[in-house]
C-alpha atoms as a PDB file:
ATOM      1  CA  MET A   1      16.447  25.740   0.277  1.00  0.00           C
ATOM      2  CA  ASP A   2      20.186  25.684  -0.439  1.00  0.00           C
ATOM      3  CA  GLU A   3      20.237  21.888  -0.115  1.00  0.00           C
ATOM      4  CA  PHE A   4      17.193  21.579  -2.390  1.00  0.00           C
ATOM      5  CA  ASN A   5      18.927  23.671  -5.027  1.00  0.00           C
ATOM      6  CA  ARG A   6      22.119  21.660  -4.590  1.00  0.00           C
ATOM      7  CA  LEU A   7      20.163  18.450  -5.150  1.00  0.00           C
ATOM      8  CA  LEU A   8      18.468  19.871  -8.252  1.00  0.00           C
ATOM      9  CA  ASP A   9      21.794  21.061  -9.661  1.00  0.00           C
ATOM     10  CA  THR A  10      23.312  17.624  -9.001  1.00  0.00           C
ATOM     11  CA  ILE A  11      20.551  15.822 -10.909  1.00  0.00           C
ATOM     12  CA  ARG A  12      20.708  18.319 -13.766  1.00  0.00           C
ATOM     13  CA  LYS A  13      24.450  17.676 -14.000  1.00  0.00           C
ATOM     14  CA  LEU A  14      23.891  13.919 -14.031  1.00  0.00           C
ATOM     15  CA  ARG A  15      21.361  14.361 -16.858  1.00  0.00           C
ATOM     16  CA  ALA A  16      23.619  16.701 -18.880  1.00  0.00           C
ATOM     17  CA  PRO A  17      25.418  15.542 -22.062  1.00  0.00           C
ATOM     18  CA  ASP A  18      28.657  15.173 -20.093  1.00  0.00           C
ATOM     19  CA  GLY A  19      26.890  13.575 -17.129  1.00  0.00           C
ATOM     20  CA  CYS A  20      26.187   9.952 -16.207  1.00  0.00           C
ATOM     21  CA  PRO A  21      25.314   7.622 -19.129  1.00  0.00           C
ATOM     22  CA  TRP A  22      22.777   5.751 -16.980  1.00  0.00           C
ATOM     23  CA  ASP A  23      21.016   8.848 -15.626  1.00  0.00           C
ATOM     24  CA  ARG A  24      20.881  10.481 -19.061  1.00  0.00           C
ATOM     25  CA  VAL A  25      18.798   7.703 -20.634  1.00  0.00           C
ATOM     26  CA  GLN A  26      16.223   7.373 -17.850  1.00  0.00           C
ATOM     27  CA  THR A  27      12.581   8.218 -18.578  1.00  0.00           C
ATOM     28  CA  HIS A  28       9.417   8.498 -16.504  1.00  0.00           C
ATOM     29  CA  ASP A  29       8.528   4.928 -17.498  1.00  0.00           C
ATOM     30  CA  SER A  30      11.967   3.422 -16.839  1.00  0.00           C
ATOM     31  CA  LEU A  31      12.025   4.971 -13.358  1.00  0.00           C
ATOM     32  CA  LYS A  32       8.623   3.644 -12.271  1.00  0.00           C
ATOM     33  CA  PRO A  33      10.003   0.482 -10.600  1.00  0.00           C
ATOM     34  CA  TYR A  34      12.474   2.551  -8.572  1.00  0.00           C
ATOM     35  CA  LEU A  35       9.753   4.892  -7.319  1.00  0.00           C
ATOM     36  CA  LEU A  36       7.813   1.903  -6.009  1.00  0.00           C
ATOM     37  CA  GLU A  37      10.916   0.183  -4.638  1.00  0.00           C
ATOM     38  CA  GLU A  38      12.113   3.257  -2.730  1.00  0.00           C
ATOM     39  CA  THR A  39       8.645   3.734  -1.228  1.00  0.00           C
ATOM     40  CA  TYR A  40       8.650   0.193   0.125  1.00  0.00           C
ATOM     41  CA  GLU A  41      12.196   0.534   1.434  1.00  0.00           C
ATOM     42  CA  ALA A  42      11.142   3.646   3.363  1.00  0.00           C
ATOM     43  CA  LEU A  43       8.190   1.729   4.814  1.00  0.00           C
ATOM     44  CA  ASP A  44      10.490  -1.147   5.753  1.00  0.00           C
ATOM     45  CA  ALA A  45      12.769   1.261   7.623  1.00  0.00           C
ATOM     46  CA  LEU A  46       9.738   2.583   9.513  1.00  0.00           C
ATOM     47  CA  ASP A  47       8.673  -0.954  10.427  1.00  0.00           C
ATOM     48  CA  LYS A  48      12.186  -1.586  11.760  1.00  0.00           C
ATOM     49  CA  LYS A  49      11.940   1.667  13.747  1.00  0.00           C
ATOM     50  CA  ASP A  50      15.363   2.584  12.356  1.00  0.00           C
ATOM     51  CA  LEU A  51      15.153   6.361  12.040  1.00  0.00           C
ATOM     52  CA  ALA A  52      18.667   6.734  10.625  1.00  0.00           C
ATOM     53  CA  LEU A  53      17.790   4.283   7.855  1.00  0.00           C
ATOM     54  CA  PHE A  54      14.407   5.988   7.419  1.00  0.00           C
ATOM     55  CA  GLN A  55      16.171   9.314   6.838  1.00  0.00           C
ATOM     56  CA  GLU A  56      18.341   7.685   4.187  1.00  0.00           C
ATOM     57  CA  GLU A  57      15.364   6.036   2.480  1.00  0.00           C
ATOM     58  CA  LEU A  58      13.418   9.319   2.455  1.00  0.00           C
ATOM     59  CA  GLY A  59      16.393  10.802   0.624  1.00  0.00           C
ATOM     60  CA  ASP A  60      16.281   7.989  -1.930  1.00  0.00           C
ATOM     61  CA  LEU A  61      12.557   8.619  -2.392  1.00  0.00           C
ATOM     62  CA  LEU A  62      13.161  12.355  -2.784  1.00  0.00           C
ATOM     63  CA  LEU A  63      15.779  11.535  -5.427  1.00  0.00           C
ATOM     64  CA  GLN A  64      13.090   9.828  -7.506  1.00  0.00           C
ATOM     65  CA  ILE A  65      10.787  12.839  -7.215  1.00  0.00           C
ATOM     66  CA  VAL A  66      13.556  15.194  -8.294  1.00  0.00           C
ATOM     67  CA  LEU A  67      14.588  12.921 -11.178  1.00  0.00           C
ATOM     68  CA  HIS A  68      11.028  12.914 -12.528  1.00  0.00           C
ATOM     69  CA  SER A  69      10.813  16.690 -12.064  1.00  0.00           C
ATOM     70  CA  VAL A  70      14.072  17.306 -13.948  1.00  0.00           C
ATOM     71  CA  ILE A  71      12.977  15.022 -16.796  1.00  0.00           C
ATOM     72  CA  ALA A  72       9.707  16.968 -17.006  1.00  0.00           C
ATOM     73  CA  GLU A  73      11.660  20.226 -16.932  1.00  0.00           C
ATOM     74  CA  GLU A  74      13.778  19.066 -19.887  1.00  0.00           C
ATOM     75  CA  GLU A  75      10.593  18.278 -21.821  1.00  0.00           C
ATOM     76  CA  ASN A  76       9.087  21.694 -20.932  1.00  0.00           C
ATOM     77  CA  ASN A  77       6.215  20.063 -19.041  1.00  0.00           C
ATOM     78  CA  PHE A  78       6.759  21.239 -15.457  1.00  0.00           C
ATOM     79  CA  THR A  79       9.523  21.909 -12.945  1.00  0.00           C
ATOM     80  CA  PHE A  80      10.212  20.934  -9.346  1.00  0.00           C
ATOM     81  CA  THR A  81       9.105  24.450  -8.368  1.00  0.00           C
ATOM     82  CA  ASP A  82       5.755  23.746 -10.050  1.00  0.00           C
ATOM     83  CA  VAL A  83       5.443  20.501  -8.086  1.00  0.00           C
ATOM     84  CA  ALA A  84       6.205  22.225  -4.769  1.00  0.00           C
ATOM     85  CA  ARG A  85       3.901  25.161  -5.527  1.00  0.00           C
ATOM     86  CA  ALA A  86       1.021  22.897  -6.519  1.00  0.00           C
ATOM     87  CA  ILE A  87       1.140  20.738  -3.401  1.00  0.00           C
ATOM     88  CA  THR A  88       1.507  23.794  -1.134  1.00  0.00           C
ATOM     89  CA  ASP A  89      -1.489  25.491  -2.780  1.00  0.00           C
ATOM     90  CA  LYS A  90      -3.479  22.263  -2.475  1.00  0.00           C
ATOM     91  CA  MET A  91      -2.760  21.890   1.234  1.00  0.00           C
ATOM     92  CA  ILE A  92      -3.756  25.499   1.927  1.00  0.00           C
ATOM     93  CA  ARG A  93      -6.890  25.184  -0.186  1.00  0.00           C
ATOM     94  CA  ARG A  94      -7.989  21.933   1.450  1.00  0.00           C
ATOM     95  CA  HIS A  95      -7.428  23.191   5.009  1.00  0.00           C
ATOM     96  CA  PRO A  96      -9.744  26.228   5.234  1.00  0.00           C
ATOM     97  CA  HIS A  97     -10.120  25.543   8.962  1.00  0.00           C
ATOM     98  CA  VAL A  98      -6.409  26.372   9.318  1.00  0.00           C
ATOM     99  CA  PHE A  99      -5.671  28.931   6.593  1.00  0.00           C
ATOM    100  CA  ALA A 100      -9.122  30.578   6.362  1.00  0.00           C
ATOM    101  CA  ASP A 101     -12.066  31.102   8.684  1.00  0.00           C
ATOM    102  CA  ALA A 102     -13.907  27.782   8.214  1.00  0.00           C
ATOM    103  CA  GLN A 103     -15.183  26.148  11.405  1.00  0.00           C
ATOM    104  CA  VAL A 104     -15.172  22.362  11.880  1.00  0.00           C
ATOM    105  CA  SER A 105     -16.465  20.168  14.692  1.00  0.00           C
ATOM    106  CA  GLY A 106     -14.037  17.278  14.227  1.00  0.00           C
ATOM    107  CA  GLN A 107     -12.196  14.977  11.862  1.00  0.00           C
ATOM    108  CA  ASP A 108     -15.339  13.722  10.111  1.00  0.00           C
ATOM    109  CA  GLU A 109     -16.252  17.250   9.037  1.00  0.00           C
ATOM    110  CA  ILE A 110     -12.646  17.878   7.960  1.00  0.00           C
ATOM    111  CA  TRP A 111     -12.849  14.863   5.629  1.00  0.00           C
ATOM    112  CA  GLN A 112     -16.240  15.974   4.295  1.00  0.00           C
ATOM    113  CA  ASN A 113     -14.815  19.420   3.512  1.00  0.00           C
ATOM    114  CA  TRP A 114     -11.755  17.789   1.931  1.00  0.00           C
ATOM    115  CA  GLU A 115     -13.922  15.753  -0.448  1.00  0.00           C
ATOM    116  CA  GLN A 116     -16.139  18.722  -1.321  1.00  0.00           C
ATOM    117  CA  ILE A 117     -13.159  20.963  -2.057  1.00  0.00           C
ATOM    118  CA  LYS A 118     -11.527  18.176  -4.067  1.00  0.00           C
ATOM    119  CA  LYS A 119     -14.586  17.974  -6.333  1.00  0.00           C
ATOM    120  CA  THR A 120     -14.120  21.619  -7.344  1.00  0.00           C
ATOM    121  CA  GLU A 121     -10.511  21.160  -8.434  1.00  0.00           C
ATOM    122  CA  LYS A 122      -9.695  20.977 -12.121  1.00  0.00           C
ATOM    123  CA  SER A 123      -8.068  17.539 -11.887  1.00  0.00           C
ATOM    124  CA  GLN A 124     -11.281  16.105 -10.420  1.00  0.00           C
ATOM    125  CA  GLN A 125     -13.907  17.790 -12.585  1.00  0.00           C
ATOM    126  CA  SER A 126     -13.954  14.986 -15.162  1.00  0.00           C
ATOM    127  CA  ALA A 127     -14.389  12.302 -12.505  1.00  0.00           C
ATOM    128  CA  GLN A 128     -17.593  10.269 -12.729  1.00  0.00           C
ATOM    129  CA  SER A 129     -17.194   8.717  -9.279  1.00  0.00           C
ATOM    130  CA  ILE A 130     -15.561   9.573  -5.972  1.00  0.00           C
ATOM    131  CA  LEU A 131     -13.641   6.306  -6.463  1.00  0.00           C
ATOM    132  CA  ASP A 132     -11.939   7.542  -9.638  1.00  0.00           C
ATOM    133  CA  SER A 133      -9.112   9.061  -7.605  1.00  0.00           C
ATOM    134  CA  VAL A 134      -8.094   5.705  -6.094  1.00  0.00           C
ATOM    135  CA  PRO A 135      -5.157   4.392  -8.191  1.00  0.00           C
ATOM    136  CA  ARG A 136      -5.751   0.950  -9.678  1.00  0.00           C
ATOM    137  CA  ASN A 137      -2.153  -0.193  -9.190  1.00  0.00           C
ATOM    138  CA  LEU A 138      -2.095   0.221  -5.404  1.00  0.00           C
ATOM    139  CA  PRO A 139      -1.369  -2.941  -3.371  1.00  0.00           C
ATOM    140  CA  ALA A 140      -4.660  -4.846  -3.209  1.00  0.00           C
ATOM    141  CA  LEU A 141      -5.269  -4.593   0.550  1.00  0.00           C
ATOM    142  CA  PHE A 142      -4.385  -0.906   0.591  1.00  0.00           C
ATOM    143  CA  ARG A 143      -6.634  -0.197  -2.413  1.00  0.00           C
ATOM    144  CA  ALA A 144      -9.540  -2.063  -0.816  1.00  0.00           C
ATOM    145  CA  GLU A 145      -9.174   0.081   2.309  1.00  0.00           C
ATOM    146  CA  LYS A 146      -9.002   3.300   0.251  1.00  0.00           C
ATOM    147  CA  VAL A 147     -12.149   2.370  -1.702  1.00  0.00           C
ATOM    148  CA  GLN A 148     -14.002   1.540   1.506  1.00  0.00           C
ATOM    149  CA  LYS A 149     -12.943   4.803   3.161  1.00  0.00           C
ATOM    150  CA  LYS A 150     -14.102   6.812   0.147  1.00  0.00           C
ATOM    151  CA  ALA A 151     -17.516   5.133   0.273  1.00  0.00           C
ATOM    152  CA  ALA A 152     -17.745   5.543   4.058  1.00  0.00           C
ATOM    153  CA  ARG A 153     -17.147   9.299   3.823  1.00  0.00           C
ATOM    154  CA  VAL A 154     -20.415   9.709   1.922  1.00  0.00           C
ATOM    155  CA  GLY A 155     -22.303   7.491   4.379  1.00  0.00           C
ATOM    156  CA  PHE A 156     -22.085   4.140   2.562  1.00  0.00           C
ATOM    157  CA  ASP A 157     -20.807   2.024   5.446  1.00  0.00           C
ATOM    158  CA  PHE A 158     -21.744  -0.463   8.134  1.00  0.00           C
ATOM    159  CA  THR A 159     -23.143   1.244  11.207  1.00  0.00           C
ATOM    160  CA  GLU A 160     -21.847  -1.421  13.611  1.00  0.00           C
ATOM    161  CA  THR A 161     -18.643  -3.472  13.670  1.00  0.00           C
ATOM    162  CA  ARG A 162     -20.690  -6.529  14.631  1.00  0.00           C
ATOM    163  CA  SER A 163     -22.384  -6.315  11.232  1.00  0.00           C
ATOM    164  CA  VAL A 164     -18.999  -6.628   9.531  1.00  0.00           C
ATOM    165  CA  LEU A 165     -18.276  -9.807  11.507  1.00  0.00           C
ATOM    166  CA  GLU A 166     -21.590 -11.221  10.357  1.00  0.00           C
ATOM    167  CA  LYS A 167     -20.705 -10.271   6.781  1.00  0.00           C
ATOM    168  CA  ILE A 168     -17.409 -12.188   7.068  1.00  0.00           C
ATOM    169  CA  LYS A 169     -19.281 -15.285   8.257  1.00  0.00           C
ATOM    170  CA  GLU A 170     -21.677 -14.890   5.329  1.00  0.00           C
ATOM    171  CA  GLU A 171     -18.789 -14.628   2.844  1.00  0.00           C
ATOM    172  CA  ILE A 172     -17.073 -17.710   4.315  1.00  0.00           C
ATOM    173  CA  ALA A 173     -20.314 -19.666   3.979  1.00  0.00           C
ATOM    174  CA  GLU A 174     -20.594 -18.604   0.326  1.00  0.00           C
ATOM    175  CA  PHE A 175     -16.993 -19.671  -0.243  1.00  0.00           C
ATOM    176  CA  GLU A 176     -17.650 -23.099   1.286  1.00  0.00           C
ATOM    177  CA  GLU A 177     -20.691 -23.454  -0.948  1.00  0.00           C
ATOM    178  CA  ALA A 178     -18.618 -22.605  -4.025  1.00  0.00           C
ATOM    179  CA  ALA A 179     -15.776 -24.921  -2.944  1.00  0.00           C
ATOM    180  CA  PRO A 180     -17.350 -27.741  -0.900  1.00  0.00           C
ATOM    181  CA  ASP A 181     -14.159 -29.865  -0.991  1.00  0.00           C
ATOM    182  CA  ILE A 182     -11.402 -27.553   0.209  1.00  0.00           C
ATOM    183  CA  SER A 183      -9.140 -30.344   1.457  1.00  0.00           C
ATOM    184  CA  THR A 184      -7.213 -30.127  -1.818  1.00  0.00           C
ATOM    185  CA  ALA A 185      -6.733 -27.616  -4.610  1.00  0.00           C
ATOM    186  CA  TYR A 186      -9.400 -27.868  -7.277  1.00  0.00           C
ATOM    187  CA  PRO A 187      -8.481 -30.280 -10.101  1.00  0.00           C
ATOM    188  CA  GLN A 188      -7.081 -28.940 -13.355  1.00  0.00           C
ATOM    189  CA  ASP A 189     -10.262 -29.969 -15.178  1.00  0.00           C
ATOM    190  CA  THR A 190     -12.482 -27.838 -12.917  1.00  0.00           C
ATOM    191  CA  PRO A 191     -14.676 -25.679 -15.209  1.00  0.00           C
ATOM    192  CA  LEU A 192     -13.398 -22.138 -15.552  1.00  0.00           C
ATOM    193  CA  ASN A 193     -16.683 -20.675 -14.317  1.00  0.00           C
ATOM    194  CA  VAL A 194     -16.383 -22.738 -11.113  1.00  0.00           C
ATOM    195  CA  GLN A 195     -12.759 -21.670 -10.605  1.00  0.00           C
ATOM    196  CA  GLY A 196     -13.839 -18.070 -11.154  1.00  0.00           C
ATOM    197  CA  LYS A 197     -16.603 -18.418  -8.554  1.00  0.00           C
ATOM    198  CA  ILE A 198     -14.163 -19.814  -5.968  1.00  0.00           C
ATOM    199  CA  ILE A 199     -11.696 -16.980  -6.602  1.00  0.00           C
ATOM    200  CA  ASP A 200     -14.511 -14.428  -6.474  1.00  0.00           C
ATOM    201  CA  GLU A 201     -15.796 -15.693  -3.122  1.00  0.00           C
ATOM    202  CA  PHE A 202     -12.276 -15.826  -1.676  1.00  0.00           C
ATOM    203  CA  GLY A 203     -11.777 -12.215  -2.741  1.00  0.00           C
ATOM    204  CA  ASP A 204     -15.004 -11.265  -0.984  1.00  0.00           C
ATOM    205  CA  ILE A 205     -13.637 -12.755   2.257  1.00  0.00           C
ATOM    206  CA  LEU A 206     -10.458 -10.697   1.958  1.00  0.00           C
ATOM    207  CA  PHE A 207     -12.437  -7.540   1.164  1.00  0.00           C
ATOM    208  CA  SER A 208     -14.641  -8.084   4.222  1.00  0.00           C
ATOM    209  CA  LEU A 209     -11.595  -8.679   6.435  1.00  0.00           C
ATOM    210  CA  VAL A 210     -10.164  -5.356   5.268  1.00  0.00           C
ATOM    211  CA  ASN A 211     -13.506  -3.777   6.143  1.00  0.00           C
ATOM    212  CA  LEU A 212     -13.283  -5.204   9.656  1.00  0.00           C
ATOM    213  CA  ALA A 213      -9.724  -3.889  10.022  1.00  0.00           C
ATOM    214  CA  ARG A 214     -10.869  -0.437   8.912  1.00  0.00           C
ATOM    215  CA  GLN A 215     -13.744  -0.454  11.398  1.00  0.00           C
ATOM    216  CA  LEU A 216     -11.257  -1.296  14.166  1.00  0.00           C
ATOM    217  CA  ASP A 217      -8.790   1.352  12.942  1.00  0.00           C
ATOM    218  CA  ILE A 218      -6.269  -1.345  11.994  1.00  0.00           C
ATOM    219  CA  ASP A 219      -4.153  -0.856   8.881  1.00  0.00           C
ATOM    220  CA  ALA A 220      -4.688  -4.157   7.048  1.00  0.00           C
ATOM    221  CA  GLU A 221      -1.513  -3.817   4.959  1.00  0.00           C
ATOM    222  CA  SER A 222       0.641  -3.218   8.046  1.00  0.00           C
ATOM    223  CA  ALA A 223      -1.092  -5.994  10.000  1.00  0.00           C
ATOM    224  CA  LEU A 224      -0.450  -8.530   7.237  1.00  0.00           C
ATOM    225  CA  ARG A 225       3.138  -7.335   6.838  1.00  0.00           C
ATOM    226  CA  GLN A 226       3.632  -7.774  10.607  1.00  0.00           C
ATOM    227  CA  SER A 227       2.190 -11.308  10.557  1.00  0.00           C
ATOM    228  CA  THR A 228       4.276 -12.224   7.526  1.00  0.00           C
ATOM    229  CA  GLY A 229       7.368 -10.969   9.330  1.00  0.00           C
ATOM    230  CA  LYS A 230       6.429 -13.056  12.384  1.00  0.00           C
ATOM    231  CA  PHE A 231       6.046 -16.165  10.244  1.00  0.00           C
ATOM    232  CA  GLU A 232       9.351 -15.438   8.514  1.00  0.00           C
ATOM    233  CA  SER A 233      11.167 -15.095  11.838  1.00  0.00           C
ATOM    234  CA  ARG A 234       9.775 -18.386  13.150  1.00  0.00           C
ATOM    235  CA  PHE A 235      10.472 -20.193   9.872  1.00  0.00           C
ATOM    236  CA  ARG A 236      14.112 -19.029   9.962  1.00  0.00           C
ATOM    237  CA  GLN A 237      14.362 -20.410  13.512  1.00  0.00           C
ATOM    238  CA  ILE A 238      13.101 -23.776  12.272  1.00  0.00           C
ATOM    239  CA  GLU A 239      15.658 -23.727   9.455  1.00  0.00           C
ATOM    240  CA  GLU A 240      18.436 -23.051  11.968  1.00  0.00           C
ATOM    241  CA  LYS A 241      17.190 -25.776  14.325  1.00  0.00           C
ATOM    242  CA  LEU A 242      17.071 -28.300  11.463  1.00  0.00           C
ATOM    243  CA  ARG A 243      20.653 -27.418  10.529  1.00  0.00           C
ATOM    244  CA  GLN A 244      21.710 -27.968  14.138  1.00  0.00           C
ATOM    245  CA  ASP A 245      19.943 -31.344  14.159  1.00  0.00           C
ATOM    246  CA  GLN A 246      21.424 -32.191  10.731  1.00  0.00           C
ATOM    247  CA  LYS A 247      17.981 -32.676   9.254  1.00  0.00           C
ATOM    248  CA  ASP A 248      16.037 -31.401   6.264  1.00  0.00           C
ATOM    249  CA  PHE A 249      12.353 -30.541   5.901  1.00  0.00           C
ATOM    250  CA  LYS A 250      11.794 -33.625   3.763  1.00  0.00           C
ATOM    251  CA  ASP A 251      13.154 -35.806   6.571  1.00  0.00           C
ATOM    252  CA  CYS A 252      10.502 -34.637   9.050  1.00  0.00           C
ATOM    253  CA  SER A 253       6.937 -35.769   9.564  1.00  0.00           C
ATOM    254  CA  ALA A 254       4.126 -33.273   9.908  1.00  0.00           C
ATOM    255  CA  ALA A 255       4.122 -33.906  13.667  1.00  0.00           C
ATOM    256  CA  GLU A 256       7.856 -33.185  13.901  1.00  0.00           C
ATOM    257  CA  LEU A 257       7.548 -29.963  11.944  1.00  0.00           C
ATOM    258  CA  ASP A 258       4.644 -28.933  14.168  1.00  0.00           C
ATOM    259  CA  LYS A 259       6.894 -29.550  17.199  1.00  0.00           C
ATOM    260  CA  TYR A 260       9.616 -27.340  15.696  1.00  0.00           C
ATOM    261  CA  TRP A 261       7.000 -24.663  14.977  1.00  0.00           C
ATOM    262  CA  ASN A 262       5.682 -24.664  18.532  1.00  0.00           C
ATOM    263  CA  GLU A 263       9.233 -24.353  19.854  1.00  0.00           C
ATOM    264  CA  ALA A 264       9.837 -21.362  17.574  1.00  0.00           C
ATOM    265  CA  LYS A 265       6.649 -19.729  18.851  1.00  0.00           C
ATOM    266  CA  GLN A 266       8.019 -19.848  22.391  1.00  0.00           C
ATOM    267  CA  ASN A 267      11.075 -17.754  21.458  1.00  0.00           C
END
């Protein structure tokens, strides 16, 4: 607790009239990009399996939480103590199988209890749907997975993974029907309603792929990030090989670039 108090005192000093000019003018809105950025940097450290860096990034993320708490404290809205108390109370309340005498048979029942308890909380009483609690500004793949999980917890879900595969095939067929010539991008004079249909069907494919990932207990966001990182690594190898050969991308045929790509895949 001493280090928490030291951190709070440090931020209060930075926000004081004789503190840092930059820190003093920050608001909840101006800090939003940093909250998102620090979250992603912490995730990146985890992906790199660099625990020393992860510790540092968690500190940067904590800094954002404390900054927002101190700003709220200055405006007489809430304090960091209020934030800590609220989340502690919530965790105790939503885990009656740990902190009370509730009995559960497994994780499914734990989630069912979680959702039922959540409905009774003040912040949720105005909700019209169980999906209301899913933030709209989450990354698209992550939000799709959250929405699907919420629906699945009340029984709205595929009963077999094979059915999800069939759904993906169905969505691809609908996409091909909407965009019969997919050898090129659609022309600029394509009617807006046709463009909208193509985009809509493509989105359905992505949504179904996320559903398959969820059924297989694969985190779609992490899987895509991993594949993007793999592509990036191989592309950098091609760049280095082209420099060694004193060539440029524009100097290579498609067959040559494919050869470079296959070589990079072997490394």
